[in-house]
N, C-alpha and C. Protein backbone atom coordinates (compact mmCIF):
# COMPACT_ATOMS: atom_id res chain seq x y z
N MET A 1 49.32 47.62 56.64
CA MET A 1 50.26 46.91 57.50
C MET A 1 49.62 45.61 57.99
N ASN A 2 50.43 44.61 58.08
CA ASN A 2 49.97 43.32 58.59
C ASN A 2 50.13 43.33 60.11
N HIS A 3 49.08 43.70 60.81
CA HIS A 3 49.14 43.83 62.28
C HIS A 3 49.50 42.51 62.96
N GLU A 4 48.97 41.42 62.46
CA GLU A 4 49.24 40.11 63.07
C GLU A 4 50.73 39.78 62.98
N ALA A 5 51.34 40.05 61.82
CA ALA A 5 52.77 39.79 61.65
C ALA A 5 53.60 40.68 62.56
N ILE A 6 53.23 41.95 62.65
CA ILE A 6 53.97 42.88 63.49
C ILE A 6 53.91 42.43 64.95
N ARG A 7 52.74 42.05 65.41
CA ARG A 7 52.61 41.60 66.80
C ARG A 7 53.38 40.30 67.05
N ALA A 8 53.45 39.44 66.05
CA ALA A 8 54.20 38.18 66.21
C ALA A 8 55.71 38.43 66.22
N LEU A 9 56.17 39.36 65.41
CA LEU A 9 57.60 39.62 65.28
C LEU A 9 58.15 40.59 66.32
N TYR A 10 57.29 41.48 66.80
CA TYR A 10 57.73 42.51 67.74
C TYR A 10 56.83 42.46 68.98
N VAL A 11 57.24 41.70 69.97
CA VAL A 11 56.41 41.47 71.15
C VAL A 11 56.24 42.72 72.00
N ASN A 12 57.10 43.71 71.82
CA ASN A 12 57.00 44.95 72.60
C ASN A 12 55.99 45.93 72.01
N VAL A 13 55.45 45.65 70.85
CA VAL A 13 54.46 46.54 70.23
C VAL A 13 53.11 46.35 70.92
N VAL A 14 52.52 47.48 71.35
CA VAL A 14 51.21 47.42 71.99
C VAL A 14 50.14 48.13 71.17
N SER A 15 50.54 49.01 70.26
CA SER A 15 49.55 49.65 69.39
C SER A 15 50.15 49.88 68.01
N ILE A 16 49.27 49.80 67.01
CA ILE A 16 49.70 49.96 65.62
C ILE A 16 48.72 50.91 64.95
N ASP A 17 49.28 51.89 64.27
CA ASP A 17 48.48 52.83 63.48
C ASP A 17 49.03 52.78 62.07
N ASP A 18 48.19 52.45 61.10
CA ASP A 18 48.66 52.31 59.73
C ASP A 18 49.30 53.58 59.19
N GLY A 19 48.90 54.72 59.71
CA GLY A 19 49.44 55.98 59.22
C GLY A 19 50.71 56.43 59.91
N THR A 20 50.85 56.09 61.19
CA THR A 20 52.00 56.61 61.95
C THR A 20 52.99 55.54 62.40
N GLY A 21 52.61 54.28 62.45
CA GLY A 21 53.55 53.22 62.80
C GLY A 21 53.15 52.40 63.99
N ALA A 22 54.13 51.71 64.56
CA ALA A 22 53.92 50.82 65.70
C ALA A 22 54.58 51.43 66.93
N PHE A 23 53.95 51.23 68.10
CA PHE A 23 54.42 51.86 69.32
C PHE A 23 54.50 50.87 70.47
N ASP A 24 55.46 51.12 71.37
CA ASP A 24 55.58 50.30 72.57
C ASP A 24 54.69 50.86 73.67
N LYS A 25 54.77 50.28 74.87
CA LYS A 25 53.89 50.67 75.98
C LYS A 25 54.10 52.11 76.44
N ASP A 26 55.29 52.67 76.17
CA ASP A 26 55.59 54.04 76.56
C ASP A 26 55.28 55.05 75.47
N GLY A 27 54.74 54.57 74.35
CA GLY A 27 54.40 55.46 73.25
C GLY A 27 55.55 55.72 72.30
N ASN A 28 56.68 55.04 72.51
CA ASN A 28 57.83 55.20 71.62
C ASN A 28 57.60 54.40 70.35
N ILE A 29 58.04 54.97 69.24
CA ILE A 29 57.88 54.27 67.97
C ILE A 29 58.84 53.08 67.91
N VAL A 30 58.36 51.97 67.39
CA VAL A 30 59.17 50.77 67.22
C VAL A 30 59.51 50.66 65.74
N GLU A 31 60.80 50.58 65.45
CA GLU A 31 61.23 50.44 64.06
C GLU A 31 60.84 49.05 63.56
N ILE A 32 60.17 49.02 62.43
CA ILE A 32 59.65 47.79 61.85
C ILE A 32 60.40 47.48 60.57
N ASP A 33 60.85 46.23 60.43
CA ASP A 33 61.45 45.77 59.19
C ASP A 33 60.31 45.27 58.30
N ILE A 34 59.90 46.12 57.37
CA ILE A 34 58.73 45.82 56.56
C ILE A 34 58.94 44.57 55.70
N GLU A 35 60.18 44.29 55.30
CA GLU A 35 60.44 43.07 54.53
C GLU A 35 60.20 41.83 55.37
N ALA A 36 60.58 41.87 56.64
CA ALA A 36 60.33 40.75 57.54
C ALA A 36 58.84 40.58 57.77
N VAL A 37 58.14 41.70 57.92
CA VAL A 37 56.68 41.65 58.11
C VAL A 37 56.01 41.05 56.88
N ASN A 38 56.42 41.49 55.71
CA ASN A 38 55.82 40.97 54.47
C ASN A 38 56.16 39.51 54.23
N ALA A 39 57.31 39.05 54.72
CA ALA A 39 57.73 37.66 54.52
C ALA A 39 57.12 36.71 55.55
N TRP A 40 56.55 37.26 56.63
CA TRP A 40 56.01 36.43 57.71
C TRP A 40 54.84 35.59 57.22
N ILE A 41 54.86 34.32 57.60
CA ILE A 41 53.77 33.40 57.24
C ILE A 41 53.12 32.94 58.54
N ASP A 42 51.82 33.09 58.61
CA ASP A 42 51.07 32.71 59.79
C ASP A 42 51.14 31.20 60.00
N PRO A 43 51.73 30.75 61.11
CA PRO A 43 51.85 29.31 61.33
C PRO A 43 50.51 28.62 61.61
N GLN A 44 49.47 29.38 61.85
CA GLN A 44 48.15 28.81 62.12
C GLN A 44 47.21 28.89 60.92
N ALA A 45 47.69 29.40 59.78
CA ALA A 45 46.84 29.61 58.61
C ALA A 45 46.23 28.31 58.08
N TYR A 46 46.94 27.20 58.27
CA TYR A 46 46.44 25.93 57.75
C TYR A 46 45.08 25.57 58.35
N LYS A 47 44.81 26.02 59.58
CA LYS A 47 43.56 25.66 60.25
C LYS A 47 42.34 26.19 59.49
N SER A 48 42.38 27.46 59.13
CA SER A 48 41.21 28.02 58.42
C SER A 48 41.11 27.45 57.01
N LYS A 49 42.25 27.18 56.38
CA LYS A 49 42.21 26.58 55.03
C LYS A 49 41.60 25.18 55.08
N ARG A 50 41.99 24.40 56.09
CA ARG A 50 41.41 23.06 56.24
C ARG A 50 39.92 23.16 56.53
N ARG A 51 39.56 24.06 57.43
CA ARG A 51 38.15 24.20 57.82
C ARG A 51 37.28 24.47 56.59
N GLN A 52 37.77 25.31 55.69
CA GLN A 52 37.01 25.63 54.48
C GLN A 52 36.98 24.47 53.50
N ALA A 53 38.04 23.64 53.50
CA ALA A 53 38.13 22.56 52.52
C ALA A 53 37.40 21.29 52.94
N TYR A 54 37.25 21.07 54.25
CA TYR A 54 36.59 19.85 54.70
C TYR A 54 35.15 19.80 54.19
N PRO A 55 34.69 18.62 53.81
CA PRO A 55 33.28 18.48 53.42
C PRO A 55 32.37 18.76 54.64
N SER A 56 31.16 19.16 54.37
CA SER A 56 30.20 19.37 55.45
C SER A 56 29.95 18.04 56.17
N ILE A 57 29.40 18.11 57.35
CA ILE A 57 29.11 16.88 58.11
C ILE A 57 28.17 15.96 57.32
N PRO A 58 27.08 16.47 56.72
CA PRO A 58 26.24 15.56 55.92
C PRO A 58 27.02 14.90 54.77
N ASP A 59 27.91 15.67 54.13
CA ASP A 59 28.70 15.08 53.04
C ASP A 59 29.67 14.03 53.58
N GLN A 60 30.25 14.29 54.75
CA GLN A 60 31.14 13.30 55.36
C GLN A 60 30.37 12.02 55.71
N LEU A 61 29.15 12.18 56.20
CA LEU A 61 28.33 11.01 56.51
C LEU A 61 27.98 10.22 55.26
N ASP A 62 27.74 10.92 54.15
CA ASP A 62 27.50 10.24 52.87
C ASP A 62 28.72 9.44 52.45
N ILE A 63 29.91 10.04 52.61
CA ILE A 63 31.15 9.34 52.26
C ILE A 63 31.27 8.07 53.10
N LEU A 64 30.98 8.20 54.40
CA LEU A 64 31.04 7.03 55.29
C LEU A 64 30.04 5.95 54.87
N TYR A 65 28.83 6.37 54.60
CA TYR A 65 27.77 5.41 54.26
C TYR A 65 28.06 4.70 52.94
N HIS A 66 28.43 5.48 51.92
CA HIS A 66 28.60 4.90 50.59
C HIS A 66 29.98 4.29 50.37
N GLY A 67 31.00 4.85 51.02
CA GLY A 67 32.35 4.38 50.75
C GLY A 67 33.03 3.69 51.91
N GLY A 68 32.47 3.82 53.09
CA GLY A 68 33.05 3.19 54.26
C GLY A 68 34.11 4.07 54.93
N LEU A 69 34.62 3.55 56.01
CA LEU A 69 35.58 4.29 56.83
C LEU A 69 36.85 4.63 56.07
N ASP A 70 37.33 3.70 55.24
CA ASP A 70 38.56 3.96 54.49
C ASP A 70 38.38 5.12 53.50
N ALA A 71 37.23 5.20 52.86
CA ALA A 71 36.96 6.30 51.92
C ALA A 71 36.89 7.63 52.66
N TRP A 72 36.26 7.63 53.83
CA TRP A 72 36.18 8.86 54.63
C TRP A 72 37.57 9.31 55.07
N LYS A 73 38.36 8.35 55.58
CA LYS A 73 39.73 8.67 56.02
C LYS A 73 40.54 9.23 54.85
N ALA A 74 40.39 8.66 53.68
CA ALA A 74 41.13 9.12 52.50
C ALA A 74 40.74 10.54 52.12
N SER A 75 39.44 10.86 52.21
CA SER A 75 39.00 12.21 51.86
C SER A 75 39.55 13.25 52.84
N ILE A 76 39.59 12.91 54.11
CA ILE A 76 40.12 13.82 55.13
C ILE A 76 41.64 13.93 54.99
N GLN A 77 42.31 12.81 54.76
CA GLN A 77 43.77 12.81 54.63
C GLN A 77 44.22 13.65 53.44
N ALA A 78 43.46 13.62 52.36
CA ALA A 78 43.81 14.42 51.18
C ALA A 78 43.84 15.91 51.51
N ILE A 79 42.91 16.35 52.33
CA ILE A 79 42.86 17.75 52.73
C ILE A 79 44.03 18.07 53.67
N LYS A 80 44.31 17.17 54.58
CA LYS A 80 45.44 17.37 55.50
C LYS A 80 46.76 17.46 54.73
N GLU A 81 46.89 16.68 53.68
CA GLU A 81 48.11 16.73 52.87
C GLU A 81 48.18 18.00 52.05
N GLU A 82 47.02 18.49 51.59
CA GLU A 82 47.00 19.72 50.81
C GLU A 82 47.34 20.94 51.67
N TYR A 83 46.93 20.92 52.94
CA TYR A 83 47.20 22.02 53.87
C TYR A 83 47.90 21.47 55.11
N PRO A 84 49.19 21.16 55.00
CA PRO A 84 49.92 20.58 56.13
C PRO A 84 50.13 21.58 57.27
N LYS A 85 50.41 21.04 58.45
CA LYS A 85 50.72 21.88 59.61
C LYS A 85 52.04 22.58 59.39
């Protein structure tokens, strides 16, 4: 089960057990639409993808030194376009 999706879609869920389901604060089972859970896309996923794609700081400094500010901006912009908000 995608716990993050369930918590985002069902704000009344306080606990999730992969074997028995999702429960509210009173211990009542919350009916989950598994298709909605599977279709959910994390709106913050772009952050980790960008973080992994950005060049290291030393590499960014090399880009600045050898190519100038415009080359550095272009390298960063390419990643932002590949993983938009």
